Every structure is written in C-alpha cells, then in structure tokens.
Amino acid sequence: KGIFLWDHCLALEQSTEEECLYKIADN
C-alpha cells in the first residue's frame, strides 16, 4: 500500500525492467 514512482521509461540510472517501482509515501 502507498504512493509509488513508476519509472516505466527507465529514466533513472538504477532502474531496470524488473526494478522500476519506488515507494514515496505510505498514503
């Protein structure tokens, strides 16, 4: 549950096809 950044275009250097979802906040 929460608010997430989905780097679906892989703009961040750390993002990969498998790991591109980052939690921002719990609600």
mmCIF file of all heavy atoms, coordinates in Angstrom:
data_MODEL
# 
_entry.id   MODEL 
# 
loop_
_atom_site.group_PDB 
_atom_site.id 
_atom_site.type_symbol 
_atom_site.label_atom_id 
_atom_site.label_alt_id 
_atom_site.label_comp_id 
_atom_site.label_asym_id 
_atom_site.label_entity_id 
_atom_site.label_seq_id 
_atom_site.pdbx_PDB_ins_code 
_atom_site.Cartn_x 
_atom_site.Cartn_y 
_atom_site.Cartn_z 
_atom_site.occupancy 
_atom_site.B_iso_or_equiv 
_atom_site.pdbx_formal_charge 
_atom_site.auth_seq_id 
_atom_site.auth_comp_id 
_atom_site.auth_asym_id 
_atom_site.auth_atom_id 
_atom_site.pdbx_PDB_model_num 
ATOM 1   N N   . LYS A 1 1  ? 0.849  -1.191 0.000   1.00 0.00 ? 1  LYS A N   1 
ATOM 2   C CA  . LYS A 1 1  ? 0.000  0.000  0.000   1.00 0.00 ? 1  LYS A CA  1 
ATOM 3   C C   . LYS A 1 1  ? 0.881  1.236  0.000   1.00 0.00 ? 1  LYS A C   1 
ATOM 4   O O   . LYS A 1 1  ? 1.924  1.258  0.649   1.00 0.00 ? 1  LYS A O   1 
ATOM 5   C CB  . LYS A 1 1  ? -0.892 0.036  1.244   1.00 0.00 ? 1  LYS A CB  1 
ATOM 6   C CG  . LYS A 1 1  ? -1.979 -1.005 1.289   1.00 0.00 ? 1  LYS A CG  1 
ATOM 7   C CD  . LYS A 1 1  ? -2.807 -0.828 2.542   1.00 0.00 ? 1  LYS A CD  1 
ATOM 8   C CE  . LYS A 1 1  ? -3.944 -1.723 2.780   1.00 0.00 ? 1  LYS A CE  1 
ATOM 9   N NZ  . LYS A 1 1  ? -4.482 -2.662 1.992   1.00 0.00 ? 1  LYS A NZ  1 
ATOM 10  N N   . GLY A 1 2  ? 0.434  2.240  -0.730  1.00 0.00 ? 2  GLY A N   1 
ATOM 11  C CA  . GLY A 1 2  ? 1.136  3.513  -0.686  1.00 0.00 ? 2  GLY A CA  1 
ATOM 12  C C   . GLY A 1 2  ? 1.161  4.216  -2.022  1.00 0.00 ? 2  GLY A C   1 
ATOM 13  O O   . GLY A 1 2  ? 0.478  3.843  -2.970  1.00 0.00 ? 2  GLY A O   1 
ATOM 14  N N   . ILE A 1 3  ? 1.996  5.258  -2.058  1.00 0.00 ? 3  ILE A N   1 
ATOM 15  C CA  . ILE A 1 3  ? 2.210  6.051  -3.255  1.00 0.00 ? 3  ILE A CA  1 
ATOM 16  C C   . ILE A 1 3  ? 3.612  5.718  -3.767  1.00 0.00 ? 3  ILE A C   1 
ATOM 17  O O   . ILE A 1 3  ? 4.572  5.712  -2.995  1.00 0.00 ? 3  ILE A O   1 
ATOM 18  C CB  . ILE A 1 3  ? 2.093  7.567  -2.953  1.00 0.00 ? 3  ILE A CB  1 
ATOM 19  C CG1 . ILE A 1 3  ? 0.777  7.893  -2.249  1.00 0.00 ? 3  ILE A CG1 1 
ATOM 20  C CG2 . ILE A 1 3  ? 2.271  8.377  -4.228  1.00 0.00 ? 3  ILE A CG2 1 
ATOM 21  C CD1 . ILE A 1 3  ? -0.484 7.541  -3.026  1.00 0.00 ? 3  ILE A CD1 1 
ATOM 22  N N   . PHE A 1 4  ? 3.704  5.454  -5.071  1.00 0.00 ? 4  PHE A N   1 
ATOM 23  C CA  . PHE A 1 4  ? 4.948  4.977  -5.668  1.00 0.00 ? 4  PHE A CA  1 
ATOM 24  C C   . PHE A 1 4  ? 5.290  5.762  -6.926  1.00 0.00 ? 4  PHE A C   1 
ATOM 25  O O   . PHE A 1 4  ? 4.403  6.254  -7.623  1.00 0.00 ? 4  PHE A O   1 
ATOM 26  C CB  . PHE A 1 4  ? 4.810  3.491  -6.051  1.00 0.00 ? 4  PHE A CB  1 
ATOM 27  C CG  . PHE A 1 4  ? 4.640  2.579  -4.890  1.00 0.00 ? 4  PHE A CG  1 
ATOM 28  C CD1 . PHE A 1 4  ? 3.399  2.432  -4.285  1.00 0.00 ? 4  PHE A CD1 1 
ATOM 29  C CD2 . PHE A 1 4  ? 5.709  1.866  -4.384  1.00 0.00 ? 4  PHE A CD2 1 
ATOM 30  C CE1 . PHE A 1 4  ? 3.229  1.580  -3.204  1.00 0.00 ? 4  PHE A CE1 1 
ATOM 31  C CE2 . PHE A 1 4  ? 5.549  1.013  -3.300  1.00 0.00 ? 4  PHE A CE2 1 
ATOM 32  C CZ  . PHE A 1 4  ? 4.303  0.876  -2.708  1.00 0.00 ? 4  PHE A CZ  1 
ATOM 33  N N   . LEU A 1 5  ? 6.578  5.820  -7.224  1.00 0.00 ? 5  LEU A N   1 
ATOM 34  C CA  . LEU A 1 5  ? 7.055  6.295  -8.516  1.00 0.00 ? 5  LEU A CA  1 
ATOM 35  C C   . LEU A 1 5  ? 7.260  5.070  -9.388  1.00 0.00 ? 5  LEU A C   1 
ATOM 36  O O   . LEU A 1 5  ? 7.925  4.107  -8.990  1.00 0.00 ? 5  LEU A O   1 
ATOM 37  C CB  . LEU A 1 5  ? 8.383  7.042  -8.371  1.00 0.00 ? 5  LEU A CB  1 
ATOM 38  C CG  . LEU A 1 5  ? 9.058  7.398  -9.697  1.00 0.00 ? 5  LEU A CG  1 
ATOM 39  C CD1 . LEU A 1 5  ? 8.266  8.466  -10.444 1.00 0.00 ? 5  LEU A CD1 1 
ATOM 40  C CD2 . LEU A 1 5  ? 10.487 7.836  -9.477  1.00 0.00 ? 5  LEU A CD2 1 
ATOM 41  N N   . TRP A 1 6  ? 6.684  5.092  -10.574 1.00 0.00 ? 6  TRP A N   1 
ATOM 42  C CA  . TRP A 1 6  ? 6.879  4.025  -11.555 1.00 0.00 ? 6  TRP A CA  1 
ATOM 43  C C   . TRP A 1 6  ? 7.727  4.590  -12.684 1.00 0.00 ? 6  TRP A C   1 
ATOM 44  O O   . TRP A 1 6  ? 7.250  5.357  -13.512 1.00 0.00 ? 6  TRP A O   1 
ATOM 45  C CB  . TRP A 1 6  ? 5.519  3.542  -12.068 1.00 0.00 ? 6  TRP A CB  1 
ATOM 46  C CG  . TRP A 1 6  ? 5.586  2.460  -13.107 1.00 0.00 ? 6  TRP A CG  1 
ATOM 47  C CD1 . TRP A 1 6  ? 6.523  1.479  -13.224 1.00 0.00 ? 6  TRP A CD1 1 
ATOM 48  C CD2 . TRP A 1 6  ? 4.650  2.241  -14.160 1.00 0.00 ? 6  TRP A CD2 1 
ATOM 49  N NE1 . TRP A 1 6  ? 6.226  0.667  -14.292 1.00 0.00 ? 6  TRP A NE1 1 
ATOM 50  C CE2 . TRP A 1 6  ? 5.085  1.108  -14.885 1.00 0.00 ? 6  TRP A CE2 1 
ATOM 51  C CE3 . TRP A 1 6  ? 3.487  2.889  -14.563 1.00 0.00 ? 6  TRP A CE3 1 
ATOM 52  C CZ2 . TRP A 1 6  ? 4.397  0.619  -15.988 1.00 0.00 ? 6  TRP A CZ2 1 
ATOM 53  C CZ3 . TRP A 1 6  ? 2.803  2.403  -15.661 1.00 0.00 ? 6  TRP A CZ3 1 
ATOM 54  C CH2 . TRP A 1 6  ? 3.251  1.272  -16.354 1.00 0.00 ? 6  TRP A CH2 1 
ATOM 55  N N   . ASP A 1 7  ? 8.984  4.230  -12.693 1.00 0.00 ? 7  ASP A N   1 
ATOM 56  C CA  . ASP A 1 7  ? 9.924  4.692  -13.714 1.00 0.00 ? 7  ASP A CA  1 
ATOM 57  C C   . ASP A 1 7  ? 9.825  3.757  -14.918 1.00 0.00 ? 7  ASP A C   1 
ATOM 58  O O   . ASP A 1 7  ? 10.765 3.051  -15.270 1.00 0.00 ? 7  ASP A O   1 
ATOM 59  C CB  . ASP A 1 7  ? 11.338 4.730  -13.134 1.00 0.00 ? 7  ASP A CB  1 
ATOM 60  C CG  . ASP A 1 7  ? 12.370 5.247  -14.116 1.00 0.00 ? 7  ASP A CG  1 
ATOM 61  O OD1 . ASP A 1 7  ? 11.983 5.886  -15.122 1.00 0.00 ? 7  ASP A OD1 1 
ATOM 62  O OD2 . ASP A 1 7  ? 13.566 4.988  -13.888 1.00 0.00 ? 7  ASP A OD2 1 
ATOM 63  N N   . HIS A 1 8  ? 8.660  3.770  -15.561 1.00 0.00 ? 8  HIS A N   1 
ATOM 64  C CA  . HIS A 1 8  ? 8.383  2.844  -16.664 1.00 0.00 ? 8  HIS A CA  1 
ATOM 65  C C   . HIS A 1 8  ? 9.231  3.116  -17.903 1.00 0.00 ? 8  HIS A C   1 
ATOM 66  O O   . HIS A 1 8  ? 9.396  2.240  -18.743 1.00 0.00 ? 8  HIS A O   1 
ATOM 67  C CB  . HIS A 1 8  ? 6.890  2.885  -17.017 1.00 0.00 ? 8  HIS A CB  1 
ATOM 68  C CG  . HIS A 1 8  ? 6.418  4.197  -17.534 1.00 0.00 ? 8  HIS A CG  1 
ATOM 69  N ND1 . HIS A 1 8  ? 6.412  5.324  -16.745 1.00 0.00 ? 8  HIS A ND1 1 
ATOM 70  C CD2 . HIS A 1 8  ? 5.972  4.576  -18.745 1.00 0.00 ? 8  HIS A CD2 1 
ATOM 71  C CE1 . HIS A 1 8  ? 5.972  6.347  -17.465 1.00 0.00 ? 8  HIS A CE1 1 
ATOM 72  N NE2 . HIS A 1 8  ? 5.687  5.914  -18.674 1.00 0.00 ? 8  HIS A NE2 1 
ATOM 73  N N   . CYS A 1 9  ? 9.800  4.293  -18.017 1.00 0.00 ? 9  CYS A N   1 
ATOM 74  C CA  . CYS A 1 9  ? 10.670 4.629  -19.160 1.00 0.00 ? 9  CYS A CA  1 
ATOM 75  C C   . CYS A 1 9  ? 12.151 4.424  -18.832 1.00 0.00 ? 9  CYS A C   1 
ATOM 76  O O   . CYS A 1 9  ? 13.015 4.689  -19.657 1.00 0.00 ? 9  CYS A O   1 
ATOM 77  C CB  . CYS A 1 9  ? 10.444 6.072  -19.585 1.00 0.00 ? 9  CYS A CB  1 
ATOM 78  S SG  . CYS A 1 9  ? 8.794  6.373  -20.229 1.00 0.00 ? 9  CYS A SG  1 
ATOM 79  N N   . LEU A 1 10 ? 12.408 3.970  -17.604 1.00 0.00 ? 10 LEU A N   1 
ATOM 80  C CA  . LEU A 1 10 ? 13.775 3.703  -17.131 1.00 0.00 ? 10 LEU A CA  1 
ATOM 81  C C   . LEU A 1 10 ? 14.668 4.944  -17.228 1.00 0.00 ? 10 LEU A C   1 
ATOM 82  O O   . LEU A 1 10 ? 15.809 4.880  -17.676 1.00 0.00 ? 10 LEU A O   1 
ATOM 83  C CB  . LEU A 1 10 ? 14.389 2.518  -17.888 1.00 0.00 ? 10 LEU A CB  1 
ATOM 84  C CG  . LEU A 1 10 ? 13.553 1.228  -17.889 1.00 0.00 ? 10 LEU A CG  1 
ATOM 85  C CD1 . LEU A 1 10 ? 14.238 0.148  -18.692 1.00 0.00 ? 10 LEU A CD1 1 
ATOM 86  C CD2 . LEU A 1 10 ? 13.229 0.770  -16.486 1.00 0.00 ? 10 LEU A CD2 1 
ATOM 87  N N   . ALA A 1 11 ? 14.141 6.058  -16.768 1.00 0.00 ? 11 ALA A N   1 
ATOM 88  C CA  . ALA A 1 11 ? 14.872 7.321  -16.797 1.00 0.00 ? 11 ALA A CA  1 
ATOM 89  C C   . ALA A 1 11 ? 15.955 7.386  -15.717 1.00 0.00 ? 11 ALA A C   1 
ATOM 90  O O   . ALA A 1 11 ? 16.972 8.058  -15.897 1.00 0.00 ? 11 ALA A O   1 
ATOM 91  C CB  . ALA A 1 11 ? 13.901 8.492  -16.626 1.00 0.00 ? 11 ALA A CB  1 
ATOM 92  N N   . LEU A 1 12 ? 15.740 6.698  -14.603 1.00 0.00 ? 12 LEU A N   1 
ATOM 93  C CA  . LEU A 1 12 ? 16.726 6.697  -13.522 1.00 0.00 ? 12 LEU A CA  1 
ATOM 94  C C   . LEU A 1 12 ? 17.794 5.651  -13.813 1.00 0.00 ? 12 LEU A C   1 
ATOM 95  O O   . LEU A 1 12 ? 17.493 4.545  -14.270 1.00 0.00 ? 12 LEU A O   1 
ATOM 96  C CB  . LEU A 1 12 ? 16.056 6.393  -12.184 1.00 0.00 ? 12 LEU A CB  1 
ATOM 97  C CG  . LEU A 1 12 ? 15.021 7.408  -11.709 1.00 0.00 ? 12 LEU A CG  1 
ATOM 98  C CD1 . LEU A 1 12 ? 14.286 6.895  -10.483 1.00 0.00 ? 12 LEU A CD1 1 
ATOM 99  C CD2 . LEU A 1 12 ? 15.678 8.744  -11.423 1.00 0.00 ? 12 LEU A CD2 1 
ATOM 100 N N   . GLU A 1 13 ? 19.024 6.002  -13.530 1.00 0.00 ? 13 GLU A N   1 
ATOM 101 C CA  . GLU A 1 13 ? 20.154 5.110  -13.807 1.00 0.00 ? 13 GLU A CA  1 
ATOM 102 C C   . GLU A 1 13 ? 19.984 3.747  -13.135 1.00 0.00 ? 13 GLU A C   1 
ATOM 103 O O   . GLU A 1 13 ? 20.351 2.715  -13.697 1.00 0.00 ? 13 GLU A O   1 
ATOM 104 C CB  . GLU A 1 13 ? 21.443 5.778  -13.312 1.00 0.00 ? 13 GLU A CB  1 
ATOM 105 C CG  . GLU A 1 13 ? 22.699 5.041  -13.662 1.00 0.00 ? 13 GLU A CG  1 
ATOM 106 C CD  . GLU A 1 13 ? 23.931 5.800  -13.214 1.00 0.00 ? 13 GLU A CD  1 
ATOM 107 O OE1 . GLU A 1 13 ? 23.984 7.029  -13.409 1.00 0.00 ? 13 GLU A OE1 1 
ATOM 108 O OE2 . GLU A 1 13 ? 24.829 5.147  -12.663 1.00 0.00 ? 13 GLU A OE2 1 
ATOM 109 N N   . GLN A 1 14 ? 19.404 3.715  -11.937 1.00 0.00 ? 14 GLN A N   1 
ATOM 110 C CA  . GLN A 1 14 ? 19.260 2.479  -11.179 1.00 0.00 ? 14 GLN A CA  1 
ATOM 111 C C   . GLN A 1 14 ? 18.120 1.601  -11.675 1.00 0.00 ? 14 GLN A C   1 
ATOM 112 O O   . GLN A 1 14 ? 18.025 0.430  -11.317 1.00 0.00 ? 14 GLN A O   1 
ATOM 113 C CB  . GLN A 1 14 ? 19.018 2.782  -9.695  1.00 0.00 ? 14 GLN A CB  1 
ATOM 114 C CG  . GLN A 1 14 ? 20.144 3.508  -9.020  1.00 0.00 ? 14 GLN A CG  1 
ATOM 115 C CD  . GLN A 1 14 ? 20.072 5.025  -9.203  1.00 0.00 ? 14 GLN A CD  1 
ATOM 116 O OE1 . GLN A 1 14 ? 19.401 5.548  -10.085 1.00 0.00 ? 14 GLN A OE1 1 
ATOM 117 N NE2 . GLN A 1 14 ? 20.802 5.750  -8.375  1.00 0.00 ? 14 GLN A NE2 1 
ATOM 118 N N   . SER A 1 15 ? 17.201 2.133  -12.459 1.00 0.00 ? 15 SER A N   1 
ATOM 119 C CA  . SER A 1 15 ? 16.009 1.382  -12.866 1.00 0.00 ? 15 SER A CA  1 
ATOM 120 C C   . SER A 1 15 ? 16.340 0.323  -13.914 1.00 0.00 ? 15 SER A C   1 
ATOM 121 O O   . SER A 1 15 ? 17.176 0.530  -14.788 1.00 0.00 ? 15 SER A O   1 
ATOM 122 C CB  . SER A 1 15 ? 14.951 2.327  -13.442 1.00 0.00 ? 15 SER A CB  1 
ATOM 123 O OG  . SER A 1 15 ? 14.443 3.160  -12.435 1.00 0.00 ? 15 SER A OG  1 
ATOM 124 N N   . THR A 1 16 ? 15.659 -0.800 -13.778 1.00 0.00 ? 16 THR A N   1 
ATOM 125 C CA  . THR A 1 16 ? 15.733 -1.881 -14.760 1.00 0.00 ? 16 THR A CA  1 
ATOM 126 C C   . THR A 1 16 ? 14.303 -2.298 -15.073 1.00 0.00 ? 16 THR A C   1 
ATOM 127 O O   . THR A 1 16 ? 13.362 -1.879 -14.390 1.00 0.00 ? 16 THR A O   1 
ATOM 128 C CB  . THR A 1 16 ? 16.496 -3.098 -14.209 1.00 0.00 ? 16 THR A CB  1 
ATOM 129 O OG1 . THR A 1 16 ? 15.753 -3.656 -13.114 1.00 0.00 ? 16 THR A OG1 1 
ATOM 130 C CG2 . THR A 1 16 ? 17.901 -2.726 -13.752 1.00 0.00 ? 16 THR A CG2 1 
ATOM 131 N N   . GLU A 1 17 ? 14.131 -3.141 -16.064 1.00 0.00 ? 17 GLU A N   1 
ATOM 132 C CA  . GLU A 1 17 ? 12.792 -3.651 -16.390 1.00 0.00 ? 17 GLU A CA  1 
ATOM 133 C C   . GLU A 1 17 ? 12.153 -4.313 -15.174 1.00 0.00 ? 17 GLU A C   1 
ATOM 134 O O   . GLU A 1 17 ? 10.953 -4.224 -14.969 1.00 0.00 ? 17 GLU A O   1 
ATOM 135 C CB  . GLU A 1 17 ? 12.858 -4.648 -17.551 1.00 0.00 ? 17 GLU A CB  1 
ATOM 136 C CG  . GLU A 1 17 ? 13.169 -4.037 -18.880 1.00 0.00 ? 17 GLU A CG  1 
ATOM 137 C CD  . GLU A 1 17 ? 12.005 -3.268 -19.479 1.00 0.00 ? 17 GLU A CD  1 
ATOM 138 O OE1 . GLU A 1 17 ? 10.834 -3.589 -19.187 1.00 0.00 ? 17 GLU A OE1 1 
ATOM 139 O OE2 . GLU A 1 17 ? 12.267 -2.328 -20.243 1.00 0.00 ? 17 GLU A OE2 1 
ATOM 140 N N   . GLU A 1 18 ? 12.956 -4.984 -14.357 1.00 0.00 ? 18 GLU A N   1 
ATOM 141 C CA  . GLU A 1 18 ? 12.443 -5.709 -13.192 1.00 0.00 ? 18 GLU A CA  1 
ATOM 142 C C   . GLU A 1 18 ? 12.286 -4.822 -11.958 1.00 0.00 ? 18 GLU A C   1 
ATOM 143 O O   . GLU A 1 18 ? 11.453 -5.086 -11.101 1.00 0.00 ? 18 GLU A O   1 
ATOM 144 C CB  . GLU A 1 18 ? 13.372 -6.886 -12.831 1.00 0.00 ? 18 GLU A CB  1 
ATOM 145 C CG  . GLU A 1 18 ? 13.461 -7.963 -13.878 1.00 0.00 ? 18 GLU A CG  1 
ATOM 146 C CD  . GLU A 1 18 ? 14.374 -7.596 -15.055 1.00 0.00 ? 18 GLU A CD  1 
ATOM 147 O OE1 . GLU A 1 18 ? 15.322 -6.801 -14.863 1.00 0.00 ? 18 GLU A OE1 1 
ATOM 148 O OE2 . GLU A 1 18 ? 14.113 -8.076 -16.174 1.00 0.00 ? 18 GLU A OE2 1 
ATOM 149 N N   . GLU A 1 19 ? 13.108 -3.789 -11.837 1.00 0.00 ? 19 GLU A N   1 
ATOM 150 C CA  . GLU A 1 19 ? 13.115 -2.924 -10.650 1.00 0.00 ? 19 GLU A CA  1 
ATOM 151 C C   . GLU A 1 19 ? 12.956 -1.465 -11.063 1.00 0.00 ? 19 GLU A C   1 
ATOM 152 O O   . GLU A 1 19 ? 13.945 -0.764 -11.302 1.00 0.00 ? 19 GLU A O   1 
ATOM 153 C CB  . GLU A 1 19 ? 14.418 -3.098 -9.870  1.00 0.00 ? 19 GLU A CB  1 
ATOM 154 C CG  . GLU A 1 19 ? 14.605 -4.466 -9.248  1.00 0.00 ? 19 GLU A CG  1 
ATOM 155 C CD  . GLU A 1 19 ? 13.687 -4.696 -8.059  1.00 0.00 ? 19 GLU A CD  1 
ATOM 156 O OE1 . GLU A 1 19 ? 13.379 -3.731 -7.331  1.00 0.00 ? 19 GLU A OE1 1 
ATOM 157 O OE2 . GLU A 1 19 ? 13.283 -5.850 -7.874  1.00 0.00 ? 19 GLU A OE2 1 
ATOM 158 N N   . CYS A 1 20 ? 11.704 -1.022 -11.153 1.00 0.00 ? 20 CYS A N   1 
ATOM 159 C CA  . CYS A 1 20 ? 11.479 0.383  -11.545 1.00 0.00 ? 20 CYS A CA  1 
ATOM 160 C C   . CYS A 1 20 ? 10.329 1.006  -10.757 1.00 0.00 ? 20 CYS A C   1 
ATOM 161 O O   . CYS A 1 20 ? 9.744  1.999  -11.172 1.00 0.00 ? 20 CYS A O   1 
ATOM 162 C CB  . CYS A 1 20 ? 11.238 0.480  -13.049 1.00 0.00 ? 20 CYS A CB  1 
ATOM 163 S SG  . CYS A 1 20 ? 9.864  -0.502 -13.647 1.00 0.00 ? 20 CYS A SG  1 
ATOM 164 N N   . LEU A 1 21 ? 10.029 0.425  -9.607  1.00 0.00 ? 21 LEU A N   1 
ATOM 165 C CA  . LEU A 1 21 ? 8.960  0.921  -8.743  1.00 0.00 ? 21 LEU A CA  1 
ATOM 166 C C   . LEU A 1 21 ? 9.579  1.334  -7.415  1.00 0.00 ? 21 LEU A C   1 
ATOM 167 O O   . LEU A 1 21 ? 10.288 0.539  -6.780  1.00 0.00 ? 21 LEU A O   1 
ATOM 168 C CB  . LEU A 1 21 ? 7.915  -0.183 -8.531  1.00 0.00 ? 21 LEU A CB  1 
ATOM 169 C CG  . LEU A 1 21 ? 6.614  0.216  -7.863  1.00 0.00 ? 21 LEU A CG  1 
ATOM 170 C CD1 . LEU A 1 21 ? 5.827  1.172  -8.757  1.00 0.00 ? 21 LEU A CD1 1 
ATOM 171 C CD2 . LEU A 1 21 ? 5.787  -1.025 -7.562  1.00 0.00 ? 21 LEU A CD2 1 
ATOM 172 N N   . TYR A 1 22 ? 9.320  2.587  -6.999  1.00 0.00 ? 22 TYR A N   1 
ATOM 173 C CA  . TYR A 1 22 ? 9.942  3.135  -5.797  1.00 0.00 ? 22 TYR A CA  1 
ATOM 174 C C   . TYR A 1 22 ? 8.874  3.741  -4.897  1.00 0.00 ? 22 TYR A C   1 
ATOM 175 O O   . TYR A 1 22 ? 8.100  4.590  -5.332  1.00 0.00 ? 22 TYR A O   1 
ATOM 176 C CB  . TYR A 1 22 ? 10.965 4.213  -6.174  1.00 0.00 ? 22 TYR A CB  1 
ATOM 177 C CG  . TYR A 1 22 ? 12.000 3.724  -7.149  1.00 0.00 ? 22 TYR A CG  1 
ATOM 178 C CD1 . TYR A 1 22 ? 11.845 3.938  -8.515  1.00 0.00 ? 22 TYR A CD1 1 
ATOM 179 C CD2 . TYR A 1 22 ? 13.123 3.042  -6.711  1.00 0.00 ? 22 TYR A CD2 1 
ATOM 180 C CE1 . TYR A 1 22 ? 12.795 3.489  -9.426  1.00 0.00 ? 22 TYR A CE1 1 
ATOM 181 C CE2 . TYR A 1 22 ? 14.082 2.582  -7.608  1.00 0.00 ? 22 TYR A CE2 1 
ATOM 182 C CZ  . TYR A 1 22 ? 13.905 2.809  -8.967  1.00 0.00 ? 22 TYR A CZ  1 
ATOM 183 O OH  . TYR A 1 22 ? 14.850 2.351  -9.858  1.00 0.00 ? 22 TYR A OH  1 
ATOM 184 N N   . LYS A 1 23 ? 8.876  3.327  -3.643  1.00 0.00 ? 23 LYS A N   1 
ATOM 185 C CA  . LYS A 1 23 ? 7.884  3.854  -2.698  1.00 0.00 ? 23 LYS A CA  1 
ATOM 186 C C   . LYS A 1 23 ? 8.230  5.285  -2.313  1.00 0.00 ? 23 LYS A C   1 
ATOM 187 O O   . LYS A 1 23 ? 9.365  5.612  -2.000  1.00 0.00 ? 23 LYS A O   1 
ATOM 188 C CB  . LYS A 1 23 ? 7.799  2.984  -1.451  1.00 0.00 ? 23 LYS A CB  1 
ATOM 189 C CG  . LYS A 1 23 ? 6.621  3.366  -0.573  1.00 0.00 ? 23 LYS A CG  1 
ATOM 190 C CD  . LYS A 1 23 ? 6.301  2.308  0.445   1.00 0.00 ? 23 LYS A CD  1 
ATOM 191 C CE  . LYS A 1 23 ? 4.981  2.622  1.127   1.00 0.00 ? 23 LYS A CE  1 
ATOM 192 N NZ  . LYS A 1 23 ? 4.619  1.552  2.058   1.00 0.00 ? 23 LYS A NZ  1 
ATOM 193 N N   . ILE A 1 24 ? 7.199  6.134  -2.350  1.00 0.00 ? 24 ILE A N   1 
ATOM 194 C CA  . ILE A 1 24 ? 7.353  7.539  -1.973  1.00 0.00 ? 24 ILE A CA  1 
ATOM 195 C C   . ILE A 1 24 ? 6.783  7.784  -0.579  1.00 0.00 ? 24 ILE A C   1 
ATOM 196 O O   . ILE A 1 24 ? 7.405  8.438  0.249   1.00 0.00 ? 24 ILE A O   1 
ATOM 197 C CB  . ILE A 1 24 ? 6.622  8.459  -2.981  1.00 0.00 ? 24 ILE A CB  1 
ATOM 198 C CG1 . ILE A 1 24 ? 7.133  8.230  -4.392  1.00 0.00 ? 24 ILE A CG1 1 
ATOM 199 C CG2 . ILE A 1 24 ? 6.780  9.920  -2.567  1.00 0.00 ? 24 ILE A CG2 1 
ATOM 200 C CD1 . ILE A 1 24 ? 6.271  8.882  -5.468  1.00 0.00 ? 24 ILE A CD1 1 
ATOM 201 N N   . ALA A 1 25 ? 5.569  7.265  -0.325  1.00 0.00 ? 25 ALA A N   1 
ATOM 202 C CA  . ALA A 1 25 ? 4.896  7.523  0.954   1.00 0.00 ? 25 ALA A CA  1 
ATOM 203 C C   . ALA A 1 25 ? 3.911  6.396  1.252   1.00 0.00 ? 25 ALA A C   1 
ATOM 204 O O   . ALA A 1 25 ? 3.481  5.679  0.344   1.00 0.00 ? 25 ALA A O   1 
ATOM 205 C CB  . ALA A 1 25 ? 4.157  8.853  0.903   1.00 0.00 ? 25 ALA A CB  1 
ATOM 206 N N   . ASP A 1 26 ? 3.529  6.277  2.515   1.00 0.00 ? 26 ASP A N   1 
ATOM 207 C CA  . ASP A 1 26 ? 2.601  5.230  2.945   1.00 0.00 ? 26 ASP A CA  1 
ATOM 208 C C   . ASP A 1 26 ? 1.161  5.499  2.524   1.00 0.00 ? 26 ASP A C   1 
ATOM 209 O O   . ASP A 1 26 ? 0.368  4.573  2.417   1.00 0.00 ? 26 ASP A O   1 
ATOM 210 C CB  . ASP A 1 26 ? 2.643  5.054  4.466   1.00 0.00 ? 26 ASP A CB  1 
ATOM 211 C CG  . ASP A 1 26 ? 3.946  4.425  4.926   1.00 0.00 ? 26 ASP A CG  1 
ATOM 212 O OD1 . ASP A 1 26 ? 4.572  3.687  4.142   1.00 0.00 ? 26 ASP A OD1 1 
ATOM 213 O OD2 . ASP A 1 26 ? 4.343  4.682  6.084   1.00 0.00 ? 26 ASP A OD2 1 
ATOM 214 N N   . ASN A 1 27 ? 0.820  6.782  2.320   1.00 0.00 ? 27 ASN A N   1 
ATOM 215 C CA  . ASN A 1 27 ? -0.552 7.125  1.937   1.00 0.00 ? 27 ASN A CA  1 
ATOM 216 C C   . ASN A 1 27 ? -0.547 8.456  1.195   1.00 0.00 ? 27 ASN A C   1 
ATOM 217 O O   . ASN A 1 27 ? 0.481  9.135  1.114   1.00 0.00 ? 27 ASN A O   1 
ATOM 218 C CB  . ASN A 1 27 ? -1.475 7.168  3.165   1.00 0.00 ? 27 ASN A CB  1 
ATOM 219 C CG  . ASN A 1 27 ? -0.975 8.145  4.214   1.00 0.00 ? 27 ASN A CG  1 
ATOM 220 O OD1 . ASN A 1 27 ? -0.799 9.329  3.940   1.00 0.00 ? 27 ASN A OD1 1 
ATOM 221 N ND2 . ASN A 1 27 ? -0.738 7.649  5.416   1.00 0.00 ? 27 ASN A ND2 1 
# 
